[in-house]
Amino acid sequence: MSSITAAGSTTFGFEALNVAITKKANDQQGQAALQLLQGAIQSTAQVQQAAPANDGRLGANIDIRV
């Protein structure tokens, strides 16, 4: 009977270790995803600041030759 209990404890220990490792991996992936999103937001903000202002005349005159 004690061998069954010991085997159960070992299995539980491995499962707990597996859960901890999986949680750590998920946390790292979440952090990486957040950093990627923050980088994309910063890049978008920089592009919008660098874009010229639209004064309403853009595309008003289009020369088409056939």
PDB file of N, CA and C in Angstrom:
ATOM      1  N   MET A   1       0.812  -1.195   0.000  1.00  0.00           N
ATOM      2  CA  MET A   1       0.000   0.000   0.000  1.00  0.00           C
ATOM      3  C   MET A   1       0.854   1.256   0.000  1.00  0.00           C
ATOM      4  N   SER A   2       1.984   1.219   0.700  1.00  0.00           N
ATOM      5  CA  SER A   2       2.832   2.397   0.739  1.00  0.00           C
ATOM      6  C   SER A   2       3.472   2.677  -0.610  1.00  0.00           C
ATOM      7  N   SER A   3       3.728   1.637  -1.425  1.00  0.00           N
ATOM      8  CA  SER A   3       4.305   1.850  -2.740  1.00  0.00           C
ATOM      9  C   SER A   3       3.310   2.561  -3.652  1.00  0.00           C
ATOM     10  N   ILE A   4       2.031   2.285  -3.486  1.00  0.00           N
ATOM     11  CA  ILE A   4       1.015   2.974  -4.282  1.00  0.00           C
ATOM     12  C   ILE A   4       0.968   4.448  -3.894  1.00  0.00           C
ATOM     13  N   THR A   5       1.037   4.740  -2.609  1.00  0.00           N
ATOM     14  CA  THR A   5       1.016   6.119  -2.133  1.00  0.00           C
ATOM     15  C   THR A   5       2.263   6.860  -2.618  1.00  0.00           C
ATOM     16  N   ALA A   6       3.400   6.214  -2.574  1.00  0.00           N
ATOM     17  CA  ALA A   6       4.635   6.849  -3.017  1.00  0.00           C
ATOM     18  C   ALA A   6       4.573   7.138  -4.514  1.00  0.00           C
ATOM     19  N   ALA A   7       4.042   6.198  -5.275  1.00  0.00           N
ATOM     20  CA  ALA A   7       3.918   6.409  -6.716  1.00  0.00           C
ATOM     21  C   ALA A   7       2.954   7.553  -7.003  1.00  0.00           C
ATOM     22  N   GLY A   8       1.871   7.624  -6.240  1.00  0.00           N
ATOM     23  CA  GLY A   8       0.905   8.713  -6.414  1.00  0.00           C
ATOM     24  C   GLY A   8       1.516  10.053  -6.086  1.00  0.00           C
ATOM     25  N   SER A   9       2.332  10.102  -5.045  1.00  0.00           N
ATOM     26  CA  SER A   9       2.984  11.352  -4.661  1.00  0.00           C
ATOM     27  C   SER A   9       3.981  11.789  -5.732  1.00  0.00           C
ATOM     28  N   THR A  10       4.690  10.820  -6.295  1.00  0.00           N
ATOM     29  CA  THR A  10       5.647  11.141  -7.346  1.00  0.00           C
ATOM     30  C   THR A  10       4.935  11.679  -8.572  1.00  0.00           C
ATOM     31  N   THR A  11       3.843  11.029  -8.931  1.00  0.00           N
ATOM     32  CA  THR A  11       3.061  11.487 -10.085  1.00  0.00           C
ATOM     33  C   THR A  11       2.528  12.890  -9.842  1.00  0.00           C
ATOM     34  N   PHE A  12       2.021  13.128  -8.636  1.00  0.00           N
ATOM     35  CA  PHE A  12       1.512  14.457  -8.301  1.00  0.00           C
ATOM     36  C   PHE A  12       2.629  15.490  -8.373  1.00  0.00           C
ATOM     37  N   GLY A  13       3.813  15.133  -7.910  1.00  0.00           N
ATOM     38  CA  GLY A  13       4.956  16.048  -7.956  1.00  0.00           C
ATOM     39  C   GLY A  13       5.323  16.419  -9.378  1.00  0.00           C
ATOM     40  N   PHE A  14       5.330  15.410 -10.276  1.00  0.00           N
ATOM     41  CA  PHE A  14       5.641  15.681 -11.674  1.00  0.00           C
ATOM     42  C   PHE A  14       4.560  16.548 -12.324  1.00  0.00           C
ATOM     43  N   GLU A  15       3.306  16.294 -11.965  1.00  0.00           N
ATOM     44  CA  GLU A  15       2.221  17.093 -12.521  1.00  0.00           C
ATOM     45  C   GLU A  15       2.314  18.540 -12.047  1.00  0.00           C
ATOM     46  N   ALA A  16       2.650  18.726 -10.770  1.00  0.00           N
ATOM     47  CA  ALA A  16       2.790  20.074 -10.233  1.00  0.00           C
ATOM     48  C   ALA A  16       3.955  20.799 -10.913  1.00  0.00           C
ATOM     49  N   LEU A  17       5.058  20.072 -11.135  1.00  0.00           N
ATOM     50  CA  LEU A  17       6.197  20.656 -11.829  1.00  0.00           C
ATOM     51  C   LEU A  17       5.829  21.026 -13.263  1.00  0.00           C
ATOM     52  N   ASN A  18       5.091  20.152 -13.927  1.00  0.00           N
ATOM     53  CA  ASN A  18       4.652  20.412 -15.300  1.00  0.00           C
ATOM     54  C   ASN A  18       3.756  21.645 -15.358  1.00  0.00           C
ATOM     55  N   VAL A  19       2.863  21.776 -14.415  1.00  0.00           N
ATOM     56  CA  VAL A  19       1.967  22.945 -14.373  1.00  0.00           C
ATOM     57  C   VAL A  19       2.777  24.219 -14.156  1.00  0.00           C
ATOM     58  N   ALA A  20       3.760  24.160 -13.267  1.00  0.00           N
ATOM     59  CA  ALA A  20       4.585  25.340 -12.993  1.00  0.00           C
ATOM     60  C   ALA A  20       5.382  25.742 -14.234  1.00  0.00           C
ATOM     61  N   ILE A  21       5.942  24.765 -14.930  1.00  0.00           N
ATOM     62  CA  ILE A  21       6.718  25.054 -16.134  1.00  0.00           C
ATOM     63  C   ILE A  21       5.813  25.632 -17.222  1.00  0.00           C
ATOM     64  N   THR A  22       4.626  25.054 -17.374  1.00  0.00           N
ATOM     65  CA  THR A  22       3.677  25.544 -18.377  1.00  0.00           C
ATOM     66  C   THR A  22       3.240  26.968 -18.062  1.00  0.00           C
ATOM     67  N   LYS A  23       2.987  27.246 -16.786  1.00  0.00           N
ATOM     68  CA  LYS A  23       2.577  28.595 -16.384  1.00  0.00           C
ATOM     69  C   LYS A  23       3.687  29.591 -16.685  1.00  0.00           C
ATOM     70  N   LYS A  24       4.924  29.236 -16.383  1.00  0.00           N
ATOM     71  CA  LYS A  24       6.044  30.135 -16.649  1.00  0.00           C
ATOM     72  C   LYS A  24       6.182  30.408 -18.147  1.00  0.00           C
ATOM     73  N   ALA A  25       6.030  29.363 -18.961  1.00  0.00           N
ATOM     74  CA  ALA A  25       6.113  29.528 -20.419  1.00  0.00           C
ATOM     75  C   ALA A  25       4.994  30.435 -20.921  1.00  0.00           C
ATOM     76  N   ASN A  26       3.782  30.250 -20.396  1.00  0.00           N
ATOM     77  CA  ASN A  26       2.649  31.098 -20.796  1.00  0.00           C
ATOM     78  C   ASN A  26       2.880  32.555 -20.399  1.00  0.00           C
ATOM     79  N   ASP A  27       3.441  32.759 -19.198  1.00  0.00           N
ATOM     80  CA  ASP A  27       3.733  34.122 -18.757  1.00  0.00           C
ATOM     81  C   ASP A  27       4.758  34.782 -19.670  1.00  0.00           C
ATOM     82  N   GLN A  28       5.784  34.032 -20.060  1.00  0.00           N
ATOM     83  CA  GLN A  28       6.812  34.574 -20.944  1.00  0.00           C
ATOM     84  C   GLN A  28       6.238  34.897 -22.321  1.00  0.00           C
ATOM     85  N   GLN A  29       5.376  34.032 -22.823  1.00  0.00           N
ATOM     86  CA  GLN A  29       4.747  34.296 -24.123  1.00  0.00           C
ATOM     87  C   GLN A  29       3.850  35.523 -24.045  1.00  0.00           C
ATOM     88  N   GLY A  30       3.144  35.671 -22.936  1.00  0.00           N
ATOM     89  CA  GLY A  30       2.294  36.848 -22.744  1.00  0.00           C
ATOM     90  C   GLY A  30       3.109  38.125 -22.705  1.00  0.00           C
ATOM     91  N   GLN A  31       4.231  38.097 -22.007  1.00  0.00           N
ATOM     92  CA  GLN A  31       5.102  39.270 -21.947  1.00  0.00           C
ATOM     93  C   GLN A  31       5.654  39.613 -23.331  1.00  0.00           C
ATOM     94  N   ALA A  32       6.048  38.589 -24.075  1.00  0.00           N
ATOM     95  CA  ALA A  32       6.569  38.812 -25.430  1.00  0.00           C
ATOM     96  C   ALA A  32       5.487  39.423 -26.320  1.00  0.00           C
ATOM     97  N   ALA A  33       4.257  38.944 -26.192  1.00  0.00           N
ATOM     98  CA  ALA A  33       3.149  39.475 -26.992  1.00  0.00           C
ATOM     99  C   ALA A  33       2.875  40.934 -26.627  1.00  0.00           C
ATOM    100  N   LEU A  34       2.911  41.249 -25.342  1.00  0.00           N
ATOM    101  CA  LEU A  34       2.687  42.635 -24.921  1.00  0.00           C
ATOM    102  C   LEU A  34       3.781  43.560 -25.444  1.00  0.00           C
ATOM    103  N   GLN A  35       5.020  43.101 -25.404  1.00  0.00           N
ATOM    104  CA  GLN A  35       6.119  43.917 -25.918  1.00  0.00           C
ATOM    105  C   GLN A  35       5.967  44.138 -27.416  1.00  0.00           C
ATOM    106  N   LEU A  36       5.530  43.109 -28.126  1.00  0.00           N
ATOM    107  CA  LEU A  36       5.309  43.242 -29.562  1.00  0.00           C
ATOM    108  C   LEU A  36       4.211  44.264 -29.850  1.00  0.00           C
ATOM    109  N   LEU A  37       3.130  44.205 -29.102  1.00  0.00           N
ATOM    110  CA  LEU A  37       2.035  45.163 -29.286  1.00  0.00           C
ATOM    111  C   LEU A  37       2.477  46.584 -28.959  1.00  0.00           C
ATOM    112  N   GLN A  38       3.231  46.740 -27.887  1.00  0.00           N
ATOM    113  CA  GLN A  38       3.701  48.075 -27.519  1.00  0.00           C
ATOM    114  C   GLN A  38       4.634  48.636 -28.589  1.00  0.00           C
ATOM    115  N   GLY A  39       5.466  47.789 -29.159  1.00  0.00           N
ATOM    116  CA  GLY A  39       6.347  48.224 -30.240  1.00  0.00           C
ATOM    117  C   GLY A  39       5.556  48.648 -31.464  1.00  0.00           C
ATOM    118  N   ALA A  40       4.500  47.904 -31.766  1.00  0.00           N
ATOM    119  CA  ALA A  40       3.658  48.250 -32.916  1.00  0.00           C
ATOM    120  C   ALA A  40       2.937  49.572 -32.681  1.00  0.00           C
ATOM    121  N   ILE A  41       2.492  49.793 -31.468  1.00  0.00           N
ATOM    122  CA  ILE A  41       1.804  51.053 -31.144  1.00  0.00           C
ATOM    123  C   ILE A  41       2.769  52.223 -31.285  1.00  0.00           C
ATOM    124  N   GLN A  42       3.996  52.057 -30.793  1.00  0.00           N
ATOM    125  CA  GLN A  42       4.984  53.128 -30.897  1.00  0.00           C
ATOM    126  C   GLN A  42       5.337  53.402 -32.355  1.00  0.00           C
ATOM    127  N   SER A  43       5.483  52.339 -33.154  1.00  0.00           N
ATOM    128  CA  SER A  43       5.802  52.516 -34.571  1.00  0.00           C
ATOM    129  C   SER A  43       4.681  53.250 -35.291  1.00  0.00           C
ATOM    130  N   THR A  44       3.445  52.900 -34.992  1.00  0.00           N
ATOM    131  CA  THR A  44       2.292  53.549 -35.615  1.00  0.00           C
ATOM    132  C   THR A  44       2.243  55.023 -35.235  1.00  0.00           C
ATOM    133  N   ALA A  45       2.512  55.330 -33.984  1.00  0.00           N
ATOM    134  CA  ALA A  45       2.496  56.720 -33.543  1.00  0.00           C
ATOM    135  C   ALA A  45       3.586  57.516 -34.247  1.00  0.00           C
ATOM    136  N   GLN A  46       4.757  56.919 -34.432  1.00  0.00           N
ATOM    137  CA  GLN A  46       5.847  57.620 -35.122  1.00  0.00           C
ATOM    138  C   GLN A  46       5.495  57.874 -36.586  1.00  0.00           C
ATOM    139  N   VAL A  47       4.868  56.912 -37.239  1.00  0.00           N
ATOM    140  CA  VAL A  47       4.481  57.078 -38.640  1.00  0.00           C
ATOM    141  C   VAL A  47       3.435  58.174 -38.766  1.00  0.00           C
ATOM    142  N   GLN A  48       2.475  58.202 -37.856  1.00  0.00           N
ATOM    143  CA  GLN A  48       1.430  59.218 -37.917  1.00  0.00           C
ATOM    144  C   GLN A  48       1.998  60.613 -37.687  1.00  0.00           C
ATOM    145  N   GLN A  49       3.000  60.727 -36.832  1.00  0.00           N
ATOM    146  CA  GLN A  49       3.617  62.031 -36.586  1.00  0.00           C
ATOM    147  C   GLN A  49       4.421  62.492 -37.796  1.00  0.00           C
ATOM    148  N   ALA A  50       5.026  61.550 -38.498  1.00  0.00           N
ATOM    149  CA  ALA A  50       5.865  61.901 -39.641  1.00  0.00           C
ATOM    150  C   ALA A  50       5.055  62.157 -40.907  1.00  0.00           C
ATOM    151  N   ALA A  51       3.809  61.734 -40.945  1.00  0.00           N
ATOM    152  CA  ALA A  51       2.980  61.898 -42.139  1.00  0.00           C
ATOM    153  C   ALA A  51       2.639  63.373 -42.345  1.00  0.00           C
ATOM    154  N   PRO A  52       2.652  63.825 -43.591  1.00  0.00           N
ATOM    155  CA  PRO A  52       2.295  65.231 -43.846  1.00  0.00           C
ATOM    156  C   PRO A  52       0.803  65.461 -43.595  1.00  0.00           C
ATOM    157  N   ALA A  53       0.501  66.679 -43.224  1.00  0.00           N
ATOM    158  CA  ALA A  53      -0.901  67.025 -42.970  1.00  0.00           C
ATOM    159  C   ALA A  53      -1.658  67.095 -44.291  1.00  0.00           C
ATOM    160  N   ASN A  54      -2.872  66.635 -44.287  1.00  0.00           N
ATOM    161  CA  ASN A  54      -3.727  66.685 -45.468  1.00  0.00           C
ATOM    162  C   ASN A  54      -4.451  68.021 -45.468  1.00  0.00           C
ATOM    163  N   ASP A  55      -4.211  68.839 -46.516  1.00  0.00           N
ATOM    164  CA  ASP A  55      -4.838  70.151 -46.570  1.00  0.00           C
ATOM    165  C   ASP A  55      -6.103  70.168 -47.419  1.00  0.00           C
ATOM    166  N   GLY A  56      -6.575  69.008 -47.836  1.00  0.00           N
ATOM    167  CA  GLY A  56      -7.814  68.925 -48.585  1.00  0.00           C
ATOM    168  C   GLY A  56      -7.633  68.970 -50.088  1.00  0.00           C
ATOM    169  N   ARG A  57      -6.448  69.330 -50.572  1.00  0.00           N
ATOM    170  CA  ARG A  57      -6.220  69.421 -52.008  1.00  0.00           C
ATOM    171  C   ARG A  57      -5.612  68.145 -52.579  1.00  0.00           C
ATOM    172  N   LEU A  58      -5.214  67.265 -51.734  1.00  0.00           N
ATOM    173  CA  LEU A  58      -4.557  66.042 -52.184  1.00  0.00           C
ATOM    174  C   LEU A  58      -5.522  65.231 -53.047  1.00  0.00           C
ATOM    175  N   GLY A  59      -5.145  64.997 -54.278  1.00  0.00           N
ATOM    176  CA  GLY A  59      -5.963  64.213 -55.192  1.00  0.00           C
ATOM    177  C   GLY A  59      -7.057  64.999 -55.878  1.00  0.00           C
ATOM    178  N   ALA A  60      -7.077  66.319 -55.701  1.00  0.00           N
ATOM    179  CA  ALA A  60      -8.119  67.131 -56.312  1.00  0.00           C
ATOM    180  C   ALA A  60      -7.967  67.224 -57.838  1.00  0.00           C
ATOM    181  N   ASN A  61      -6.748  67.256 -58.314  1.00  0.00           N
ATOM    182  CA  ASN A  61      -6.480  67.343 -59.760  1.00  0.00           C
ATOM    183  C   ASN A  61      -5.722  66.086 -60.169  1.00  0.00           C
ATOM    184  N   ILE A  62      -6.354  65.319 -61.023  1.00  0.00           N
ATOM    185  CA  ILE A  62      -5.716  64.099 -61.516  1.00  0.00           C
ATOM    186  C   ILE A  62      -5.668  64.164 -63.031  1.00  0.00           C
ATOM    187  N   ASP A  63      -4.461  64.105 -63.567  1.00  0.00           N
ATOM    188  CA  ASP A  63      -4.275  64.111 -65.034  1.00  0.00           C
ATOM    189  C   ASP A  63      -4.326  62.676 -65.538  1.00  0.00           C
ATOM    190  N   ILE A  64      -5.268  62.419 -66.446  1.00  0.00           N
ATOM    191  CA  ILE A  64      -5.406  61.093 -67.019  1.00  0.00           C
ATOM    192  C   ILE A  64      -5.208  61.198 -68.518  1.00  0.00           C
ATOM    193  N   ARG A  65      -4.255  60.465 -69.018  1.00  0.00           N
ATOM    194  CA  ARG A  65      -3.989  60.450 -70.460  1.00  0.00           C
ATOM    195  C   ARG A  65      -4.237  59.047 -70.971  1.00  0.00           C
ATOM    196  N   VAL A  66      -4.988  58.977 -72.056  1.00  0.00           N
ATOM    197  CA  VAL A  66      -5.338  57.681 -72.630  1.00  0.00           C
ATOM    198  C   VAL A  66      -4.670  57.538 -73.978  1.00  0.00           C
TER     199      VAL A  66
END
